[in-house]
Amino acid sequence: MAGLTSSSAIPVEIRLHRASRELEVAFDDGQRFVLPCEYLRVFSPSAEVQGHGAGQGVLQVGKRNVAITAIDPVGNYAVKLVFDDGHDSGLYSWAYLYELGAEHATRWQTYLNDLAAAGASRDPQ
């Protein structure tokens, strides 16, 4: 039997840490990720953030202090995260949450590089 992959791992625990603004997700393959709300917000899978096609993503700026206000289950495959800046249209599948956890360091550095290149900031205006 092949090992679990991000497409087959299922969360066994999802816990919001409001004070530190982090979402902790533990998967049934033993992986556990602690993901900052800001990270989850800037990598929302919504069309508003990702665009409607390759290369159409919208750089998210000023999200340093964003927090999650609600976590709504969507069937047995995803959660909808509701953010305090009003964003609530991204559905985070189990596979996408796993991918965000596994690729956190790389994705975050790319985001910081993109912000710098755009002369933009994580800080709200």
PDB file of N, CA and C in Angstrom:
ATOM      1  N   MET A   1       0.847  -1.182   0.000  1.00  0.00           N
ATOM      2  CA  MET A   1       0.000   0.000   0.000  1.00  0.00           C
ATOM      3  C   MET A   1       0.893   1.247   0.000  1.00  0.00           C
ATOM      4  N   ALA A   2       0.614   2.173  -0.894  1.00  0.00           N
ATOM      5  CA  ALA A   2       1.404   3.399  -0.995  1.00  0.00           C
ATOM      6  C   ALA A   2       1.139   4.288   0.212  1.00  0.00           C
ATOM      7  N   GLY A   3       2.104   5.149   0.534  1.00  0.00           N
ATOM      8  CA  GLY A   3       1.945   6.077   1.648  1.00  0.00           C
ATOM      9  C   GLY A   3       0.933   7.159   1.317  1.00  0.00           C
ATOM     10  N   LEU A   4       0.445   7.777   2.344  1.00  0.00           N
ATOM     11  CA  LEU A   4      -0.519   8.853   2.154  1.00  0.00           C
ATOM     12  C   LEU A   4       0.155  10.041   1.486  1.00  0.00           C
ATOM     13  N   THR A   5      -0.598  10.718   0.679  1.00  0.00           N
ATOM     14  CA  THR A   5      -0.126  11.947   0.048  1.00  0.00           C
ATOM     15  C   THR A   5      -1.064  13.065   0.454  1.00  0.00           C
ATOM     16  N   SER A   6      -0.727  14.267   0.031  1.00  0.00           N
ATOM     17  CA  SER A   6      -1.573  15.403   0.371  1.00  0.00           C
ATOM     18  C   SER A   6      -2.987  15.227  -0.156  1.00  0.00           C
ATOM     19  N   SER A   7      -3.157  14.436  -1.216  1.00  0.00           N
ATOM     20  CA  SER A   7      -4.493  14.265  -1.774  1.00  0.00           C
ATOM     21  C   SER A   7      -5.317  13.241  -0.996  1.00  0.00           C
ATOM     22  N   SER A   8      -4.670  12.494  -0.099  1.00  0.00           N
ATOM     23  CA  SER A   8      -5.431  11.496   0.645  1.00  0.00           C
ATOM     24  C   SER A   8      -5.411  11.727   2.152  1.00  0.00           C
ATOM     25  N   ALA A   9      -4.564  12.616   2.629  1.00  0.00           N
ATOM     26  CA  ALA A   9      -4.514  12.886   4.068  1.00  0.00           C
ATOM     27  C   ALA A   9      -5.756  13.668   4.482  1.00  0.00           C
ATOM     28  N   ILE A  10      -6.280  13.316   5.645  1.00  0.00           N
ATOM     29  CA  ILE A  10      -7.502  13.940   6.160  1.00  0.00           C
ATOM     30  C   ILE A  10      -7.203  14.544   7.526  1.00  0.00           C
ATOM     31  N   PRO A  11      -7.671  15.771   7.766  1.00  0.00           N
ATOM     32  CA  PRO A  11      -7.448  16.378   9.078  1.00  0.00           C
ATOM     33  C   PRO A  11      -8.157  15.595  10.184  1.00  0.00           C
ATOM     34  N   VAL A  12      -7.458  15.418  11.273  1.00  0.00           N
ATOM     35  CA  VAL A  12      -8.063  14.792  12.446  1.00  0.00           C
ATOM     36  C   VAL A  12      -8.312  15.846  13.525  1.00  0.00           C
ATOM     37  N   GLU A  13      -7.709  17.030  13.333  1.00  0.00           N
ATOM     38  CA  GLU A  13      -7.917  18.124  14.276  1.00  0.00           C
ATOM     39  C   GLU A  13      -7.636  19.441  13.560  1.00  0.00           C
ATOM     40  N   ILE A  14      -8.536  20.399  13.757  1.00  0.00           N
ATOM     41  CA  ILE A  14      -8.338  21.761  13.261  1.00  0.00           C
ATOM     42  C   ILE A  14      -8.621  22.670  14.447  1.00  0.00           C
ATOM     43  N   ARG A  15      -7.616  23.433  14.840  1.00  0.00           N
ATOM     44  CA  ARG A  15      -7.752  24.271  16.037  1.00  0.00           C
ATOM     45  C   ARG A  15      -7.297  25.696  15.719  1.00  0.00           C
ATOM     46  N   LEU A  16      -8.150  26.649  16.022  1.00  0.00           N
ATOM     47  CA  LEU A  16      -7.818  28.059  15.837  1.00  0.00           C
ATOM     48  C   LEU A  16      -7.254  28.617  17.132  1.00  0.00           C
ATOM     49  N   HIS A  17      -6.061  29.182  17.030  1.00  0.00           N
ATOM     50  CA  HIS A  17      -5.431  29.846  18.173  1.00  0.00           C
ATOM     51  C   HIS A  17      -5.620  31.348  17.947  1.00  0.00           C
ATOM     52  N   ARG A  18      -6.641  31.912  18.572  1.00  0.00           N
ATOM     53  CA  ARG A  18      -7.015  33.311  18.314  1.00  0.00           C
ATOM     54  C   ARG A  18      -5.929  34.295  18.744  1.00  0.00           C
ATOM     55  N   ALA A  19      -5.323  34.084  19.904  1.00  0.00           N
ATOM     56  CA  ALA A  19      -4.331  35.040  20.409  1.00  0.00           C
ATOM     57  C   ALA A  19      -3.126  35.158  19.476  1.00  0.00           C
ATOM     58  N   SER A  20      -2.643  34.031  18.974  1.00  0.00           N
ATOM     59  CA  SER A  20      -1.470  34.058  18.090  1.00  0.00           C
ATOM     60  C   SER A  20      -1.866  34.164  16.611  1.00  0.00           C
ATOM     61  N   ARG A  21      -3.177  34.144  16.339  1.00  0.00           N
ATOM     62  CA  ARG A  21      -3.699  34.205  14.970  1.00  0.00           C
ATOM     63  C   ARG A  21      -3.067  33.115  14.097  1.00  0.00           C
ATOM     64  N   GLU A  22      -3.231  31.868  14.562  1.00  0.00           N
ATOM     65  CA  GLU A  22      -2.715  30.714  13.830  1.00  0.00           C
ATOM     66  C   GLU A  22      -3.766  29.616  13.793  1.00  0.00           C
ATOM     67  N   LEU A  23      -3.749  28.860  12.703  1.00  0.00           N
ATOM     68  CA  LEU A  23      -4.612  27.705  12.557  1.00  0.00           C
ATOM     69  C   LEU A  23      -3.720  26.469  12.598  1.00  0.00           C
ATOM     70  N   GLU A  24      -4.022  25.576  13.526  1.00  0.00           N
ATOM     71  CA  GLU A  24      -3.257  24.342  13.652  1.00  0.00           C
ATOM     72  C   GLU A  24      -4.075  23.210  13.041  1.00  0.00           C
ATOM     73  N   VAL A  25      -3.451  22.480  12.129  1.00  0.00           N
ATOM     74  CA  VAL A  25      -4.136  21.389  11.447  1.00  0.00           C
ATOM     75  C   VAL A  25      -3.294  20.127  11.585  1.00  0.00           C
ATOM     76  N   ALA A  26      -3.897  19.087  12.172  1.00  0.00           N
ATOM     77  CA  ALA A  26      -3.228  17.790  12.304  1.00  0.00           C
ATOM     78  C   ALA A  26      -3.895  16.813  11.336  1.00  0.00           C
ATOM     79  N   PHE A  27      -3.063  16.083  10.590  1.00  0.00           N
ATOM     80  CA  PHE A  27      -3.570  15.140   9.599  1.00  0.00           C
ATOM     81  C   PHE A  27      -3.395  13.697  10.067  1.00  0.00           C
ATOM     82  N   ASP A  28      -4.169  12.811   9.454  1.00  0.00           N
ATOM     83  CA  ASP A  28      -4.156  11.410   9.855  1.00  0.00           C
ATOM     84  C   ASP A  28      -2.879  10.677   9.477  1.00  0.00           C
ATOM     85  N   ASP A  29      -1.974  11.327   8.737  1.00  0.00           N
ATOM     86  CA  ASP A  29      -0.688  10.696   8.425  1.00  0.00           C
ATOM     87  C   ASP A  29       0.397  11.120   9.411  1.00  0.00           C
ATOM     88  N   GLY A  30      -0.003  11.875  10.449  1.00  0.00           N
ATOM     89  CA  GLY A  30       0.940  12.304  11.472  1.00  0.00           C
ATOM     90  C   GLY A  30       1.481  13.718  11.277  1.00  0.00           C
ATOM     91  N   GLN A  31       1.257  14.300  10.116  1.00  0.00           N
ATOM     92  CA  GLN A  31       1.721  15.669   9.877  1.00  0.00           C
ATOM     93  C   GLN A  31       0.866  16.653  10.670  1.00  0.00           C
ATOM     94  N   ARG A  32       1.507  17.693  11.178  1.00  0.00           N
ATOM     95  CA  ARG A  32       0.831  18.759  11.915  1.00  0.00           C
ATOM     96  C   ARG A  32       1.435  20.071  11.458  1.00  0.00           C
ATOM     97  N   PHE A  33       0.569  20.988  11.047  1.00  0.00           N
ATOM     98  CA  PHE A  33       1.031  22.285  10.551  1.00  0.00           C
ATOM     99  C   PHE A  33       0.396  23.389  11.371  1.00  0.00           C
ATOM    100  N   VAL A  34       1.172  24.428  11.665  1.00  0.00           N
ATOM    101  CA  VAL A  34       0.665  25.632  12.322  1.00  0.00           C
ATOM    102  C   VAL A  34       0.804  26.753  11.298  1.00  0.00           C
ATOM    103  N   LEU A  35      -0.348  27.240  10.828  1.00  0.00           N
ATOM    104  CA  LEU A  35      -0.371  28.181   9.721  1.00  0.00           C
ATOM    105  C   LEU A  35      -0.919  29.530  10.169  1.00  0.00           C
ATOM    106  N   PRO A  36      -0.133  30.595  10.014  1.00  0.00           N
ATOM    107  CA  PRO A  36      -0.605  31.927  10.387  1.00  0.00           C
ATOM    108  C   PRO A  36      -1.828  32.336   9.569  1.00  0.00           C
ATOM    109  N   CYS A  37      -2.742  33.056  10.183  1.00  0.00           N
ATOM    110  CA  CYS A  37      -3.940  33.535   9.493  1.00  0.00           C
ATOM    111  C   CYS A  37      -3.561  34.379   8.278  1.00  0.00           C
ATOM    112  N   GLU A  38      -2.547  35.216   8.437  1.00  0.00           N
ATOM    113  CA  GLU A  38      -2.102  36.056   7.317  1.00  0.00           C
ATOM    114  C   GLU A  38      -1.701  35.186   6.132  1.00  0.00           C
ATOM    115  N   TYR A  39      -0.961  34.134   6.379  1.00  0.00           N
ATOM    116  CA  TYR A  39      -0.525  33.209   5.320  1.00  0.00           C
ATOM    117  C   TYR A  39      -1.729  32.583   4.625  1.00  0.00           C
ATOM    118  N   LEU A  40      -2.688  32.110   5.419  1.00  0.00           N
ATOM    119  CA  LEU A  40      -3.882  31.499   4.844  1.00  0.00           C
ATOM    120  C   LEU A  40      -4.680  32.511   4.024  1.00  0.00           C
ATOM    121  N   ARG A  41      -4.715  33.741   4.483  1.00  0.00           N
ATOM    122  CA  ARG A  41      -5.473  34.786   3.774  1.00  0.00           C
ATOM    123  C   ARG A  41      -4.811  35.135   2.448  1.00  0.00           C
ATOM    124  N   VAL A  42      -3.499  35.318   2.433  1.00  0.00           N
ATOM    125  CA  VAL A  42      -2.844  35.733   1.190  1.00  0.00           C
ATOM    126  C   VAL A  42      -2.760  34.593   0.182  1.00  0.00           C
ATOM    127  N   PHE A  43      -2.916  33.356   0.632  1.00  0.00           N
ATOM    128  CA  PHE A  43      -2.939  32.213  -0.275  1.00  0.00           C
ATOM    129  C   PHE A  43      -4.336  31.598  -0.364  1.00  0.00           C
ATOM    130  N   SER A  44      -5.356  32.408  -0.147  1.00  0.00           N
ATOM    131  CA  SER A  44      -6.732  31.921  -0.282  1.00  0.00           C
ATOM    132  C   SER A  44      -6.925  31.310  -1.669  1.00  0.00           C
ATOM    133  N   PRO A  45      -7.631  30.186  -1.728  1.00  0.00           N
ATOM    134  CA  PRO A  45      -7.875  29.563  -3.029  1.00  0.00           C
ATOM    135  C   PRO A  45      -8.988  30.249  -3.830  1.00  0.00           C
ATOM    136  N   SER A  46      -9.523  31.343  -3.330  1.00  0.00           N
ATOM    137  CA  SER A  46     -10.625  32.028  -4.015  1.00  0.00           C
ATOM    138  C   SER A  46     -10.176  32.646  -5.331  1.00  0.00           C
ATOM    139  N   ALA A  47     -11.122  32.814  -6.233  1.00  0.00           N
ATOM    140  CA  ALA A  47     -10.839  33.474  -7.506  1.00  0.00           C
ATOM    141  C   ALA A  47     -10.431  34.924  -7.278  1.00  0.00           C
ATOM    142  N   GLU A  48     -10.937  35.538  -6.224  1.00  0.00           N
ATOM    143  CA  GLU A  48     -10.590  36.927  -5.883  1.00  0.00           C
ATOM    144  C   GLU A  48      -9.080  37.070  -5.669  1.00  0.00           C
ATOM    145  N   VAL A  49      -8.453  36.032  -5.113  1.00  0.00           N
ATOM    146  CA  VAL A  49      -7.012  36.060  -4.838  1.00  0.00           C
ATOM    147  C   VAL A  49      -6.232  35.385  -5.965  1.00  0.00           C
ATOM    148  N   GLN A  50      -6.671  34.214  -6.385  1.00  0.00           N
ATOM    149  CA  GLN A  50      -5.931  33.420  -7.372  1.00  0.00           C
ATOM    150  C   GLN A  50      -6.157  33.874  -8.809  1.00  0.00           C
ATOM    151  N   GLY A  51      -7.231  34.621  -9.049  1.00  0.00           N
ATOM    152  CA  GLY A  51      -7.584  34.997 -10.407  1.00  0.00           C
ATOM    153  C   GLY A  51      -8.354  33.877 -11.073  1.00  0.00           C
ATOM    154  N   HIS A  52      -8.686  34.071 -12.330  1.00  0.00           N
ATOM    155  CA  HIS A  52      -9.484  33.085 -13.062  1.00  0.00           C
ATOM    156  C   HIS A  52      -8.657  32.255 -14.031  1.00  0.00           C
ATOM    157  N   GLY A  53      -7.344  32.427 -13.983  1.00  0.00           N
ATOM    158  CA  GLY A  53      -6.470  31.656 -14.859  1.00  0.00           C
ATOM    159  C   GLY A  53      -5.029  31.827 -14.425  1.00  0.00           C
ATOM    160  N   ALA A  54      -4.150  31.083 -15.059  1.00  0.00           N
ATOM    161  CA  ALA A  54      -2.729  31.131 -14.715  1.00  0.00           C
ATOM    162  C   ALA A  54      -2.185  32.556 -14.845  1.00  0.00           C
ATOM    163  N   GLY A  55      -1.435  32.978 -13.831  1.00  0.00           N
ATOM    164  CA  GLY A  55      -0.807  34.285 -13.869  1.00  0.00           C
ATOM    165  C   GLY A  55      -1.729  35.453 -13.566  1.00  0.00           C
ATOM    166  N   GLN A  56      -2.957  35.180 -13.158  1.00  0.00           N
ATOM    167  CA  GLN A  56      -3.918  36.250 -12.894  1.00  0.00           C
ATOM    168  C   GLN A  56      -4.126  36.520 -11.412  1.00  0.00           C
ATOM    169  N   GLY A  57      -3.279  35.943 -10.569  1.00  0.00           N
ATOM    170  CA  GLY A  57      -3.415  36.144  -9.134  1.00  0.00           C
ATOM    171  C   GLY A  57      -3.247  37.609  -8.751  1.00  0.00           C
ATOM    172  N   VAL A  58      -3.871  37.979  -7.637  1.00  0.00           N
ATOM    173  CA  VAL A  58      -3.815  39.353  -7.138  1.00  0.00           C
ATOM    174  C   VAL A  58      -2.986  39.368  -5.858  1.00  0.00           C
ATOM    175  N   LEU A  59      -1.888  40.120  -5.864  1.00  0.00           N
ATOM    176  CA  LEU A  59      -1.028  40.218  -4.693  1.00  0.00           C
ATOM    177  C   LEU A  59      -1.816  40.821  -3.535  1.00  0.00           C
ATOM    178  N   GLN A  60      -1.855  40.125  -2.433  1.00  0.00           N
ATOM    179  CA  GLN A  60      -2.573  40.581  -1.249  1.00  0.00           C
ATOM    180  C   GLN A  60      -1.625  41.393  -0.373  1.00  0.00           C
ATOM    181  N   VAL A  61      -2.001  42.605  -0.046  1.00  0.00           N
ATOM    182  CA  VAL A  61      -1.161  43.484   0.755  1.00  0.00           C
ATOM    183  C   VAL A  61      -1.908  43.920   2.011  1.00  0.00           C
ATOM    184  N   GLY A  62      -1.139  44.310   3.023  1.00  0.00           N
ATOM    185  CA  GLY A  62      -1.732  44.854   4.240  1.00  0.00           C
ATOM    186  C   GLY A  62      -2.482  43.849   5.091  1.00  0.00           C
ATOM    187  N   LYS A  63      -2.095  42.587   5.053  1.00  0.00           N
ATOM    188  CA  LYS A  63      -2.845  41.532   5.758  1.00  0.00           C
ATOM    189  C   LYS A  63      -2.153  41.045   7.033  1.00  0.00           C
ATOM    190  N   ARG A  64      -1.137  41.754   7.498  1.00  0.00           N
ATOM    191  CA  ARG A  64      -0.360  41.301   8.653  1.00  0.00           C
ATOM    192  C   ARG A  64      -1.237  40.970   9.869  1.00  0.00           C
ATOM    193  N   ASN A  65      -2.243  41.777  10.137  1.00  0.00           N
ATOM    194  CA  ASN A  65      -3.043  41.607  11.359  1.00  0.00           C
ATOM    195  C   ASN A  65      -4.365  40.877  11.154  1.00  0.00           C
ATOM    196  N   VAL A  66      -4.567  40.304   9.984  1.00  0.00           N
ATOM    197  CA  VAL A  66      -5.836  39.629   9.709  1.00  0.00           C
ATOM    198  C   VAL A  66      -6.012  38.416  10.635  1.00  0.00           C
ATOM    199  N   ALA A  67      -7.261  38.160  10.974  1.00  0.00           N
ATOM    200  CA  ALA A  67      -7.580  37.021  11.845  1.00  0.00           C
ATOM    201  C   ALA A  67      -8.734  36.230  11.232  1.00  0.00           C
ATOM    202  N   ILE A  68      -8.831  34.993  11.639  1.00  0.00           N
ATOM    203  CA  ILE A  68      -9.951  34.141  11.233  1.00  0.00           C
ATOM    204  C   ILE A  68     -11.042  34.296  12.287  1.00  0.00           C
ATOM    205  N   THR A  69     -12.270  34.551  11.830  1.00  0.00           N
ATOM    206  CA  THR A  69     -13.384  34.701  12.759  1.00  0.00           C
ATOM    207  C   THR A  69     -14.286  33.477  12.788  1.00  0.00           C
ATOM    208  N   ALA A  70     -14.241  32.655  11.743  1.00  0.00           N
ATOM    209  CA  ALA A  70     -15.072  31.452  11.707  1.00  0.00           C
ATOM    210  C   ALA A  70     -14.444  30.413  10.785  1.00  0.00           C
ATOM    211  N   ILE A  71     -14.708  29.161  11.124  1.00  0.00           N
ATOM    212  CA  ILE A  71     -14.291  28.026  10.310  1.00  0.00           C
ATOM    213  C   ILE A  71     -15.554  27.213  10.052  1.00  0.00           C
ATOM    214  N   ASP A  72     -15.999  27.200   8.803  1.00  0.00           N
ATOM    215  CA  ASP A  72     -17.234  26.508   8.451  1.00  0.00           C
ATOM    216  C   ASP A  72     -16.915  25.260   7.641  1.00  0.00           C
ATOM    217  N   PRO A  73     -17.360  24.078   8.101  1.00  0.00           N
ATOM    218  CA  PRO A  73     -17.121  22.861   7.324  1.00  0.00           C
ATOM    219  C   PRO A  73     -17.882  22.896   6.000  1.00  0.00           C
ATOM    220  N   VAL A  74     -17.279  22.317   4.970  1.00  0.00           N
ATOM    221  CA  VAL A  74     -17.911  22.180   3.666  1.00  0.00           C
ATOM    222  C   VAL A  74     -17.846  20.700   3.314  1.00  0.00           C
ATOM    223  N   GLY A  75     -18.950  20.016   3.504  1.00  0.00           N
ATOM    224  CA  GLY A  75     -18.969  18.579   3.259  1.00  0.00           C
ATOM    225  C   GLY A  75     -17.908  17.874   4.078  1.00  0.00           C
ATOM    226  N   ASN A  76     -17.329  16.835   3.498  1.00  0.00           N
ATOM    227  CA  ASN A  76     -16.256  16.080   4.153  1.00  0.00           C
ATOM    228  C   ASN A  76     -14.921  16.314   3.466  1.00  0.00           C
ATOM    229  N   TYR A  77     -14.794  17.468   2.778  1.00  0.00           N
ATOM    230  CA  TYR A  77     -13.594  17.658   1.983  1.00  0.00           C
ATOM    231  C   TYR A  77     -12.905  19.007   2.162  1.00  0.00           C
ATOM    232  N   ALA A  78     -13.541  19.958   2.877  1.00  0.00           N
ATOM    233  CA  ALA A  78     -12.959  21.300   2.938  1.00  0.00           C
ATOM    234  C   ALA A  78     -13.531  22.091   4.104  1.00  0.00           C
ATOM    235  N   VAL A  79     -12.929  23.271   4.318  1.00  0.00           N
ATOM    236  CA  VAL A  79     -13.479  24.257   5.247  1.00  0.00           C
ATOM    237  C   VAL A  79     -13.476  25.611   4.540  1.00  0.00           C
ATOM    238  N   LYS A  80     -14.431  26.431   4.921  1.00  0.00           N
ATOM    239  CA  LYS A  80     -14.458  27.825   4.479  1.00  0.00           C
ATOM    240  C   LYS A  80     -13.959  28.640   5.656  1.00  0.00           C
ATOM    241  N   LEU A  81     -12.899  29.406   5.421  1.00  0.00           N
ATOM    242  CA  LEU A  81     -12.356  30.257   6.466  1.00  0.00           C
ATOM    243  C   LEU A  81     -12.912  31.666   6.268  1.00  0.00           C
ATOM    244  N   VAL A  82     -13.425  32.245   7.348  1.00  0.00           N
ATOM    245  CA  VAL A  82     -13.969  33.593   7.321  1.00  0.00           C
ATOM    246  C   VAL A  82     -12.968  34.495   8.043  1.00  0.00           C
ATOM    247  N   PHE A  83     -12.517  35.532   7.343  1.00  0.00           N
ATOM    248  CA  PHE A  83     -11.510  36.436   7.882  1.00  0.00           C
ATOM    249  C   PHE A  83     -12.137  37.751   8.321  1.00  0.00           C
ATOM    250  N   ASP A  84     -11.503  38.413   9.269  1.00  0.00           N
ATOM    251  CA  ASP A  84     -12.071  39.648   9.819  1.00  0.00           C
ATOM    252  C   ASP A  84     -11.982  40.840   8.865  1.00  0.00           C
ATOM    253  N   ASP A  85     -11.342  40.658   7.700  1.00  0.00           N
ATOM    254  CA  ASP A  85     -11.354  41.729   6.697  1.00  0.00           C
ATOM    255  C   ASP A  85     -12.504  41.546   5.711  1.00  0.00           C
ATOM    256  N   GLY A  86     -13.393  40.574   6.008  1.00  0.00           N
ATOM    257  CA  GLY A  86     -14.568  40.340   5.180  1.00  0.00           C
ATOM    258  C   GLY A  86     -14.391  39.254   4.133  1.00  0.00           C
ATOM    259  N   HIS A  87     -13.167  38.763   3.942  1.00  0.00           N
ATOM    260  CA  HIS A  87     -12.934  37.725   2.930  1.00  0.00           C
ATOM    261  C   HIS A  87     -13.483  36.388   3.435  1.00  0.00           C
ATOM    262  N   ASP A  88     -14.328  35.755   2.609  1.00  0.00           N
ATOM    263  CA  ASP A  88     -14.918  34.477   3.018  1.00  0.00           C
ATOM    264  C   ASP A  88     -15.244  33.571   1.836  1.00  0.00           C
ATOM    265  N   SER A  89     -14.604  33.808   0.703  1.00  0.00           N
ATOM    266  CA  SER A  89     -14.989  33.050  -0.488  1.00  0.00           C
ATOM    267  C   SER A  89     -14.048  31.907  -0.855  1.00  0.00           C
ATOM    268  N   GLY A  90     -13.036  31.652  -0.047  1.00  0.00           N
ATOM    269  CA  GLY A  90     -12.117  30.559  -0.363  1.00  0.00           C
ATOM    270  C   GLY A  90     -12.512  29.264   0.324  1.00  0.00           C
ATOM    271  N   LEU A  91     -12.548  28.187  -0.437  1.00  0.00           N
ATOM    272  CA  LEU A  91     -12.786  26.861   0.134  1.00  0.00           C
ATOM    273  C   LEU A  91     -11.449  26.127   0.186  1.00  0.00           C
ATOM    274  N   TYR A  92     -11.012  25.838   1.398  1.00  0.00           N
ATOM    275  CA  TYR A  92      -9.716  25.198   1.624  1.00  0.00           C
ATOM    276  C   TYR A  92      -9.923  23.688   1.721  1.00  0.00           C
ATOM    277  N   SER A  93      -9.639  22.988   0.619  1.00  0.00           N
ATOM    278  CA  SER A  93      -9.766  21.525   0.623  1.00  0.00           C
ATOM    279  C   SER A  93      -8.698  20.946   1.535  1.00  0.00           C
ATOM    280  N   TRP A  94      -8.908  19.696   1.933  1.00  0.00           N
ATOM    281  CA  TRP A  94      -7.902  19.037   2.783  1.00  0.00           C
ATOM    282  C   TRP A  94      -6.564  19.008   2.051  1.00  0.00           C
ATOM    283  N   ALA A  95      -6.581  18.699   0.759  1.00  0.00           N
ATOM    284  CA  ALA A  95      -5.334  18.624  -0.010  1.00  0.00           C
ATOM    285  C   ALA A  95      -4.647  19.988  -0.071  1.00  0.00           C
ATOM    286  N   TYR A  96      -5.431  21.070  -0.219  1.00  0.00           N
ATOM    287  CA  TYR A  96      -4.828  22.395  -0.294  1.00  0.00           C
ATOM    288  C   TYR A  96      -4.246  22.814   1.054  1.00  0.00           C
ATOM    289  N   LEU A  97      -4.941  22.521   2.151  1.00  0.00           N
ATOM    290  CA  LEU A  97      -4.401  22.820   3.485  1.00  0.00           C
ATOM    291  C   LEU A  97      -3.082  22.081   3.710  1.00  0.00           C
ATOM    292  N   TYR A  98      -3.049  20.831   3.294  1.00  0.00           N
ATOM    293  CA  TYR A  98      -1.826  20.030   3.441  1.00  0.00           C
ATOM    294  C   TYR A  98      -0.694  20.649   2.618  1.00  0.00           C
ATOM    295  N   GLU A  99      -1.019  21.020   1.387  1.00  0.00           N
ATOM    296  CA  GLU A  99      -0.041  21.645   0.499  1.00  0.00           C
ATOM    297  C   GLU A  99       0.480  22.953   1.107  1.00  0.00           C
ATOM    298  N   LEU A 100      -0.427  23.764   1.647  1.00  0.00           N
ATOM    299  CA  LEU A 100      -0.016  25.021   2.284  1.00  0.00           C
ATOM    300  C   LEU A 100       0.913  24.755   3.465  1.00  0.00           C
ATOM    301  N   GLY A 101       0.638  23.700   4.216  1.00  0.00           N
ATOM    302  CA  GLY A 101       1.503  23.349   5.341  1.00  0.00           C
ATOM    303  C   GLY A 101       2.863  22.859   4.886  1.00  0.00           C
ATOM    304  N   ALA A 102       2.858  21.950   3.936  1.00  0.00           N
ATOM    305  CA  ALA A 102       4.103  21.345   3.466  1.00  0.00           C
ATOM    306  C   ALA A 102       4.997  22.352   2.747  1.00  0.00           C
ATOM    307  N   GLU A 103       4.403  23.347   2.100  1.00  0.00           N
ATOM    308  CA  GLU A 103       5.162  24.305   1.301  1.00  0.00           C
ATOM    309  C   GLU A 103       5.228  25.684   1.960  1.00  0.00           C
ATOM    310  N   HIS A 104       4.947  25.754   3.258  1.00  0.00           N
ATOM    311  CA  HIS A 104       4.841  27.034   3.954  1.00  0.00           C
ATOM    312  C   HIS A 104       6.081  27.916   3.756  1.00  0.00           C
ATOM    313  N   ALA A 105       7.254  27.398   4.058  1.00  0.00           N
ATOM    314  CA  ALA A 105       8.472  28.218   4.009  1.00  0.00           C
ATOM    315  C   ALA A 105       8.724  28.766   2.602  1.00  0.00           C
ATOM    316  N   THR A 106       8.602  27.926   1.606  1.00  0.00           N
ATOM    317  CA  THR A 106       8.855  28.337   0.223  1.00  0.00           C
ATOM    318  C   THR A 106       7.823  29.342  -0.259  1.00  0.00           C
ATOM    319  N   ARG A 107       6.552  29.044  -0.033  1.00  0.00           N
ATOM    320  CA  ARG A 107       5.482  29.954  -0.471  1.00  0.00           C
ATOM    321  C   ARG A 107       5.599  31.307   0.224  1.00  0.00           C
ATOM    322  N   TRP A 108       5.906  31.291   1.527  1.00  0.00           N
ATOM    323  CA  TRP A 108       5.989  32.540   2.275  1.00  0.00           C
ATOM    324  C   TRP A 108       7.128  33.409   1.745  1.00  0.00           C
ATOM    325  N   GLN A 109       8.286  32.803   1.479  1.00  0.00           N
ATOM    326  CA  GLN A 109       9.409  33.581   0.961  1.00  0.00           C
ATOM    327  C   GLN A 109       9.084  34.158  -0.404  1.00  0.00           C
ATOM    328  N   THR A 110       8.409  33.396  -1.247  1.00  0.00           N
ATOM    329  CA  THR A 110       8.003  33.907  -2.562  1.00  0.00           C
ATOM    330  C   THR A 110       7.069  35.093  -2.400  1.00  0.00           C
ATOM    331  N   TYR A 111       6.133  34.994  -1.464  1.00  0.00           N
ATOM    332  CA  TYR A 111       5.208  36.091  -1.194  1.00  0.00           C
ATOM    333  C   TYR A 111       5.961  37.339  -0.734  1.00  0.00           C
ATOM    334  N   LEU A 112       6.898  37.176   0.198  1.00  0.00           N
ATOM    335  CA  LEU A 112       7.676  38.316   0.680  1.00  0.00           C
ATOM    336  C   LEU A 112       8.482  38.960  -0.453  1.00  0.00           C
ATOM    337  N   ASN A 113       9.041  38.130  -1.328  1.00  0.00           N
ATOM    338  CA  ASN A 113       9.778  38.633  -2.487  1.00  0.00           C
ATOM    339  C   ASN A 113       8.857  39.415  -3.420  1.00  0.00           C
ATOM    340  N   ASP A 114       7.644  38.880  -3.644  1.00  0.00           N
ATOM    341  CA  ASP A 114       6.677  39.550  -4.514  1.00  0.00           C
ATOM    342  C   ASP A 114       6.255  40.899  -3.928  1.00  0.00           C
ATOM    343  N   LEU A 115       6.049  40.936  -2.611  1.00  0.00           N
ATOM    344  CA  LEU A 115       5.705  42.197  -1.944  1.00  0.00           C
ATOM    345  C   LEU A 115       6.820  43.226  -2.151  1.00  0.00           C
ATOM    346  N   ALA A 116       8.051  42.805  -1.915  1.00  0.00           N
ATOM    347  CA  ALA A 116       9.192  43.706  -2.050  1.00  0.00           C
ATOM    348  C   ALA A 116       9.301  44.221  -3.489  1.00  0.00           C
ATOM    349  N   ALA A 117       9.127  43.345  -4.450  1.00  0.00           N
ATOM    350  CA  ALA A 117       9.232  43.725  -5.853  1.00  0.00           C
ATOM    351  C   ALA A 117       8.149  44.737  -6.244  1.00  0.00           C
ATOM    352  N   ALA A 118       6.992  44.630  -5.573  1.00  0.00           N
ATOM    353  CA  ALA A 118       5.879  45.539  -5.857  1.00  0.00           C
ATOM    354  C   ALA A 118       5.941  46.813  -5.031  1.00  0.00           C
ATOM    355  N   GLY A 119       6.915  46.889  -4.122  1.00  0.00           N
ATOM    356  CA  GLY A 119       7.002  48.045  -3.227  1.00  0.00           C
ATOM    357  C   GLY A 119       5.826  48.094  -2.273  1.00  0.00           C
ATOM    358  N   ALA A 120       5.276  46.938  -1.957  1.00  0.00           N
ATOM    359  CA  ALA A 120       4.090  46.832  -1.103  1.00  0.00           C
ATOM    360  C   ALA A 120       4.482  46.352   0.300  1.00  0.00           C
ATOM    361  N   SER A 121       3.502  46.355   1.199  1.00  0.00           N
ATOM    362  CA  SER A 121       3.775  46.012   2.591  1.00  0.00           C
ATOM    363  C   SER A 121       2.732  45.044   3.150  1.00  0.00           C
ATOM    364  N   ARG A 122       3.161  44.294   4.135  1.00  0.00           N
ATOM    365  CA  ARG A 122       2.243  43.435   4.886  1.00  0.00           C
ATOM    366  C   ARG A 122       1.390  44.263   5.826  1.00  0.00           C
ATOM    367  N   ASP A 123       1.847  45.462   6.160  1.00  0.00           N
ATOM    368  CA  ASP A 123       1.146  46.304   7.126  1.00  0.00           C
ATOM    369  C   ASP A 123      -0.074  46.974   6.481  1.00  0.00           C
ATOM    370  N   PRO A 124      -1.182  47.067   7.239  1.00  0.00           N
ATOM    371  CA  PRO A 124      -2.361  47.768   6.730  1.00  0.00           C
ATOM    372  C   PRO A 124      -2.052  49.252   6.500  1.00  0.00           C
ATOM    373  N   GLN A 125      -2.741  49.858   5.571  1.00  0.00           N
ATOM    374  CA  GLN A 125      -2.544  51.291   5.287  1.00  0.00           C
ATOM    375  C   GLN A 125      -3.012  52.144   6.448  1.00  0.00           C
TER     376      GLN A 125
END
